Amino acid sequence: MTTGQAKQVPDPVALRSARHLDFFDFMFTRFFAKHMRALRVTRWGLPELPAGKPVVIFANHPSWWDGVAFMLLYRRLLPQRPLFTPMDAAALEKYRFMKRLGVFGIETGSARGSVAFLRVVEKVLANPAHILWINAPGRFSDARERPVPIAPGMIRLPEIAPDAVFVPLALDYPFWSERKAEMLAAFGAPIPAATLLAAPREARSAMLSDALAGVMEKLSTDAIARDPAAFQTLVQGREGMGGIYQAWRRAKALLRGERFDPRHEQRAETAP
C-alpha cells in the first residue's frame, strides 16, 4: 500500500450480526445495572426521527460510558434503525466482538484515516434505514466545555449524505443521591443536511456546536433539578449501598414488617 493510500476498512454492514446484538445487549445491560444507577431520557428529549432518511446522531463525548449509552439507547428507542458507529482502530482490536455490533475501526489523526472514515460512512448512510452514532468532538470533552468541539470530519458528512438529517444527542453522568451515577440523555431537533450544505464549510462547525450545546444546556437544567419524574427511565440499575450494611437494613425492615427501600433518598418516582 502506498503512502497516503486509504486503508481498506471491513464492511460494518456485512459484519453486523443480530445474534451478537441480542447477546451483547444482555451483557451491556447487566454490566450497566451493576455499575450505574439508571439510564434516563428526558421526556422532552425523546428522539423524533423522520422516516425514509438516513440519520447522523452526533453526541458530546464526556465519558468512557458513551459507547454503552449508544448501544442501550439504540436497543430501547430505535431498534428498527440499525446502529453504526466509529471507534479508534487500535482500541477496537481489543474488543473485536464489537465489529459484529455495527462498530467499525478508523485510524485517527491521519488524512488516510479520514478518507477511509468518509468512505465507510458514505456506504452506511446510503441506506435510509441506517443511523450513524458519533461523538462529535472526536475526543473526550467535558460536558461544560464551550464551545462544544466538533471534529473536522463532521462538516464533510452532509456532502456525502445530502439526504440525511443530523440529530444532536446530549449525554451527562451526574451523581444524585445514590453511590452510583445517573446516565442522562436527551435528543434535539433534527437538522436537515440541506441546511448545513447551504452554509460554507467553516460555518457548519459552529452550527453543529451550537445545536449540541443547546440540548446539553437544557439537559443540564434537568440534571440539576434531580427529579427522576422529568425523565423516562429505560434501564434501572441496582440501588443502595450493597454488602453487609444493606443486608442489615433489609433484615431490620423485615423484623419491623416494613417494605425495604434500598435507596438513600426514599423518594417516590414516576413510573416510565
Protein backbone atom coordinates (compact mmCIF):
# COMPACT_ATOMS: atom_id res chain seq x y z
CA MET A 1 0.00 0.00 0.00
CA THR A 2 1.48 3.34 -1.00
CA THR A 3 1.93 6.20 1.44
CA GLY A 4 -1.29 8.19 1.86
CA GLN A 5 -3.47 5.46 0.35
CA ALA A 6 -6.63 4.87 2.35
CA LYS A 7 -6.62 1.63 4.30
CA GLN A 8 -9.46 -0.74 3.49
CA VAL A 9 -11.94 -0.89 6.39
CA PRO A 10 -14.00 -4.10 6.76
CA ASP A 11 -17.62 -3.56 5.74
CA PRO A 12 -19.57 -2.96 9.00
CA VAL A 13 -22.90 -3.63 7.27
CA ALA A 14 -21.81 -7.12 6.23
CA LEU A 15 -20.24 -7.89 9.63
CA ARG A 16 -23.23 -6.82 11.70
CA SER A 17 -24.96 -9.77 13.42
CA ALA A 18 -28.43 -9.74 15.01
CA ARG A 19 -27.47 -12.71 17.18
CA HIS A 20 -24.44 -10.90 18.55
CA LEU A 21 -26.53 -7.77 19.16
CA ASP A 22 -29.07 -9.72 21.25
CA PHE A 23 -26.36 -11.34 23.36
CA PHE A 24 -24.31 -8.23 23.98
CA ASP A 25 -27.37 -6.11 24.70
CA PHE A 26 -27.99 -8.53 27.57
CA MET A 27 -24.35 -8.29 28.68
CA PHE A 28 -24.18 -4.49 28.41
CA THR A 29 -27.46 -4.14 30.32
CA ARG A 30 -26.21 -6.42 33.08
CA PHE A 31 -22.91 -4.54 33.28
CA PHE A 32 -24.72 -1.20 33.35
CA ALA A 33 -27.11 -2.30 36.11
CA LYS A 34 -24.15 -3.30 38.27
CA HIS A 35 -22.19 -0.07 37.88
CA MET A 36 -24.74 2.72 37.20
CA ARG A 37 -27.95 3.77 38.90
CA ALA A 38 -30.25 4.32 35.90
CA LEU A 39 -30.41 5.27 32.23
CA ARG A 40 -32.88 8.12 31.86
CA VAL A 41 -34.03 10.13 28.84
CA THR A 42 -35.73 13.49 29.32
CA ARG A 43 -39.39 13.39 28.37
CA TRP A 44 -38.93 16.44 26.13
CA GLY A 45 -35.83 14.86 24.54
CA LEU A 46 -37.10 11.56 23.15
CA PRO A 47 -35.91 11.03 19.56
CA GLU A 48 -38.18 12.13 16.72
CA LEU A 49 -36.58 10.91 13.51
CA PRO A 50 -38.07 11.29 10.03
CA ALA A 51 -38.79 8.04 8.20
CA GLY A 52 -37.08 7.26 4.93
CA LYS A 53 -33.92 9.27 5.61
CA PRO A 54 -30.55 8.20 6.98
CA VAL A 55 -29.67 9.80 10.32
CA VAL A 56 -26.48 11.04 11.94
CA ILE A 57 -26.82 11.22 15.72
CA PHE A 58 -23.97 13.41 16.93
CA ALA A 59 -23.26 13.43 20.65
CA ASN A 60 -20.89 15.10 23.04
CA HIS A 61 -18.12 12.88 24.46
CA PRO A 62 -17.82 13.31 28.24
CA SER A 63 -17.13 9.72 29.29
CA TRP A 64 -15.96 6.17 28.60
CA TRP A 65 -19.60 5.23 29.10
CA ASP A 66 -20.71 6.94 25.86
CA GLY A 67 -20.37 3.78 23.76
CA VAL A 68 -22.53 1.85 26.23
CA ALA A 69 -25.04 4.71 26.13
CA PHE A 70 -25.25 4.45 22.34
CA MET A 71 -25.95 0.72 22.48
CA LEU A 72 -28.56 0.91 25.27
CA LEU A 73 -30.38 3.88 23.74
CA TYR A 74 -30.43 2.31 20.29
CA ARG A 75 -31.83 -1.00 21.52
CA ARG A 76 -34.58 0.62 23.59
CA LEU A 77 -35.62 3.59 21.48
CA LEU A 78 -34.66 2.87 17.87
CA PRO A 79 -34.31 -0.92 17.47
CA GLN A 80 -35.58 -0.90 13.86
CA ARG A 81 -32.90 1.58 12.75
CA PRO A 82 -29.54 -0.28 12.63
CA LEU A 83 -26.71 1.38 14.54
CA PHE A 84 -23.24 2.01 13.14
CA THR A 85 -20.52 3.86 15.00
CA PRO A 86 -16.80 4.52 14.51
CA MET A 87 -14.10 3.65 17.04
CA ASP A 88 -10.34 4.06 17.12
CA ALA A 89 -8.99 1.09 15.17
CA ALA A 90 -6.32 0.23 17.75
CA ALA A 91 -8.87 0.26 20.57
CA LEU A 92 -11.32 -1.82 18.53
CA GLU A 93 -8.74 -4.59 18.19
CA LYS A 94 -9.01 -5.07 21.97
CA TYR A 95 -12.80 -5.53 21.65
CA ARG A 96 -13.06 -7.31 18.30
CA PHE A 97 -16.53 -8.68 19.10
CA MET A 98 -17.83 -5.12 18.66
CA LYS A 99 -17.28 -5.38 14.91
CA ARG A 100 -20.36 -7.65 14.92
CA LEU A 101 -22.42 -4.87 16.56
CA GLY A 102 -22.02 -2.22 13.87
CA VAL A 103 -18.78 -0.73 15.21
CA PHE A 104 -16.05 -0.03 12.66
CA GLY A 105 -12.43 0.92 13.22
CA ILE A 106 -10.87 4.14 11.99
CA GLU A 107 -7.25 5.20 12.01
CA THR A 108 -7.29 8.53 13.83
CA GLY A 109 -5.03 11.52 13.34
CA SER A 110 -4.21 10.96 9.67
CA ALA A 111 -5.52 12.00 6.27
CA ARG A 112 -5.62 8.35 5.26
CA GLY A 113 -7.87 7.54 8.21
CA SER A 114 -10.17 10.44 7.39
CA VAL A 115 -10.60 9.24 3.81
CA ALA A 116 -11.36 5.70 5.00
CA PHE A 117 -13.88 7.03 7.52
CA LEU A 118 -15.76 9.02 4.88
CA ARG A 119 -15.87 6.04 2.51
CA VAL A 120 -17.38 3.77 5.17
CA VAL A 121 -19.87 6.41 6.29
CA GLU A 122 -20.97 7.02 2.71
CA LYS A 123 -21.78 3.32 2.36
CA VAL A 124 -23.55 3.16 5.72
CA LEU A 125 -25.72 6.22 5.05
CA ALA A 126 -26.64 5.06 1.56
CA ASN A 127 -29.35 3.01 3.30
CA PRO A 128 -32.14 5.29 4.59
CA ALA A 129 -32.83 2.92 7.50
CA HIS A 130 -29.33 3.29 8.94
CA ILE A 131 -28.19 5.57 11.75
CA LEU A 132 -24.62 6.69 12.31
CA TRP A 133 -23.97 7.39 16.00
CA ILE A 134 -20.87 9.50 16.50
CA ASN A 135 -19.16 11.50 19.23
CA ALA A 136 -18.91 14.87 17.52
CA PRO A 137 -15.81 16.20 19.35
CA GLY A 138 -13.65 13.30 18.18
CA ARG A 139 -12.03 13.29 21.63
CA PHE A 140 -13.10 13.23 25.26
CA SER A 141 -14.55 16.59 26.19
CA ASP A 142 -16.01 17.78 29.49
CA ALA A 143 -19.75 18.43 29.36
CA ARG A 144 -19.09 22.03 30.44
CA GLU A 145 -16.58 22.83 27.69
CA ARG A 146 -17.74 25.64 25.40
CA PRO A 147 -17.87 25.94 22.56
CA VAL A 148 -18.55 22.24 22.14
CA PRO A 149 -15.70 20.96 19.95
CA ILE A 150 -16.60 19.47 16.57
CA ALA A 151 -14.18 17.13 14.78
CA PRO A 152 -13.19 18.34 11.28
CA GLY A 153 -14.66 15.26 9.59
CA MET A 154 -18.15 16.14 10.84
CA ILE A 155 -18.51 19.06 8.46
CA ARG A 156 -17.92 16.76 5.46
CA LEU A 157 -20.76 14.39 6.32
CA PRO A 158 -23.58 16.46 4.73
CA GLU A 159 -21.66 16.36 1.44
CA ILE A 160 -21.51 12.56 1.32
CA ALA A 161 -25.05 12.11 2.68
CA PRO A 162 -27.11 15.07 1.39
CA ASP A 163 -30.42 13.33 2.21
CA ALA A 164 -29.51 12.69 5.84
CA VAL A 165 -30.70 14.50 8.94
CA PHE A 166 -28.42 15.39 11.86
CA VAL A 167 -29.73 14.92 15.40
CA PRO A 168 -27.86 16.25 18.46
CA LEU A 169 -27.63 13.96 21.50
CA ALA A 170 -26.61 15.29 24.90
CA LEU A 171 -25.12 12.90 27.47
CA ASP A 172 -24.38 13.58 31.13
CA TYR A 173 -23.38 11.42 34.11
CA PRO A 174 -24.17 13.27 37.36
CA PHE A 175 -24.25 11.79 40.84
CA TRP A 176 -27.55 12.40 42.58
CA SER A 177 -28.49 10.84 45.93
CA GLU A 178 -27.04 7.34 45.42
CA ARG A 179 -23.48 5.99 45.32
CA LYS A 180 -23.70 5.28 41.57
CA ALA A 181 -24.01 7.86 38.80
CA GLU A 182 -27.01 8.52 36.60
CA MET A 183 -26.74 8.19 32.80
CA LEU A 184 -28.85 11.03 31.40
CA ALA A 185 -29.64 11.61 27.74
CA ALA A 186 -31.65 14.00 25.57
CA PHE A 187 -32.11 14.21 21.79
CA GLY A 188 -32.57 17.52 19.99
CA ALA A 189 -34.44 18.59 16.87
CA PRO A 190 -33.30 17.11 13.52
CA ILE A 191 -31.23 19.33 11.24
CA PRO A 192 -31.54 18.53 7.50
CA ALA A 193 -28.24 18.05 5.69
CA ALA A 194 -29.51 20.62 3.19
CA THR A 195 -29.48 23.27 5.94
CA LEU A 196 -25.82 22.53 6.64
CA LEU A 197 -24.95 22.39 2.95
CA ALA A 198 -26.40 25.85 2.47
CA ALA A 199 -23.68 27.20 4.76
CA PRO A 200 -19.96 27.33 3.95
CA ARG A 201 -17.83 24.60 5.49
CA GLU A 202 -16.27 26.92 8.04
CA ALA A 203 -19.75 27.83 9.37
CA ARG A 204 -21.05 24.27 9.70
CA SER A 205 -18.89 23.50 12.71
CA ALA A 206 -20.45 26.38 14.65
CA MET A 207 -23.94 25.31 13.59
CA LEU A 208 -23.43 21.78 14.87
CA SER A 209 -21.69 23.00 18.03
CA ASP A 210 -24.46 25.46 18.87
CA ALA A 211 -27.21 22.88 18.27
CA LEU A 212 -25.50 20.34 20.51
CA ALA A 213 -24.73 22.91 23.20
CA GLY A 214 -28.39 23.95 23.30
CA VAL A 215 -29.53 20.41 24.08
CA MET A 216 -26.69 19.96 26.60
CA GLU A 217 -27.70 23.13 28.46
CA LYS A 218 -31.34 22.06 28.64
CA LEU A 219 -30.35 18.60 29.87
CA SER A 220 -28.08 20.21 32.47
CA THR A 221 -31.07 22.10 33.87
CA ASP A 222 -32.94 18.84 34.41
CA ALA A 223 -29.85 17.19 35.87
CA ILE A 224 -29.51 19.99 38.42
CA ALA A 225 -33.19 19.63 39.40
CA ARG A 226 -32.59 15.93 40.25
CA ASP A 227 -36.19 14.97 39.55
CA PRO A 228 -36.49 11.45 38.12
CA ALA A 229 -40.10 12.20 37.13
CA ALA A 230 -38.78 14.54 34.41
CA PHE A 231 -37.22 11.52 32.70
CA GLN A 232 -38.28 8.24 31.18
CA THR A 233 -36.24 5.50 32.84
CA LEU A 234 -35.05 2.97 30.27
CA VAL A 235 -32.76 0.82 32.43
CA GLN A 236 -32.84 0.64 36.22
CA GLY A 237 -29.63 -0.31 37.99
CA ARG A 238 -29.19 -1.75 41.45
CA GLU A 239 -29.69 0.79 44.21
CA GLY A 240 -28.44 1.14 47.74
CA MET A 241 -25.03 0.55 49.29
CA GLY A 242 -24.99 -3.22 48.95
CA GLY A 243 -22.91 -5.51 51.14
CA ILE A 244 -23.33 -6.18 54.85
CA TYR A 245 -24.85 -2.79 55.66
CA GLN A 246 -27.66 -3.19 53.15
CA ALA A 247 -28.31 -6.76 54.33
CA TRP A 248 -28.63 -5.43 57.88
CA ARG A 249 -31.06 -2.70 56.76
CA ARG A 250 -33.11 -5.29 54.87
CA ALA A 251 -33.29 -7.57 57.92
CA LYS A 252 -34.32 -4.66 60.17
CA ALA A 253 -37.15 -3.72 57.80
CA LEU A 254 -38.30 -7.35 57.71
CA LEU A 255 -38.41 -7.55 61.52
CA ARG A 256 -40.50 -4.38 61.60
CA GLY A 257 -42.84 -5.65 58.92
CA GLU A 258 -41.86 -2.77 56.63
CA ARG A 259 -41.22 -2.72 52.90
CA PHE A 260 -37.47 -2.40 52.32
CA ASP A 261 -36.34 0.50 50.13
CA PRO A 262 -32.59 0.36 49.37
CA ARG A 263 -32.36 3.96 48.17
CA HIS A 264 -30.56 6.58 50.25
CA GLU A 265 -33.21 9.15 49.37
CA GLN A 266 -36.58 7.44 49.69
CA ARG A 267 -38.47 9.49 47.16
CA ALA A 268 -41.39 8.43 45.01
CA GLU A 269 -40.58 8.20 41.31
CA THR A 270 -42.99 8.30 38.41
CA ALA A 271 -43.08 5.02 36.52
CA PRO A 272 -41.76 5.18 32.94
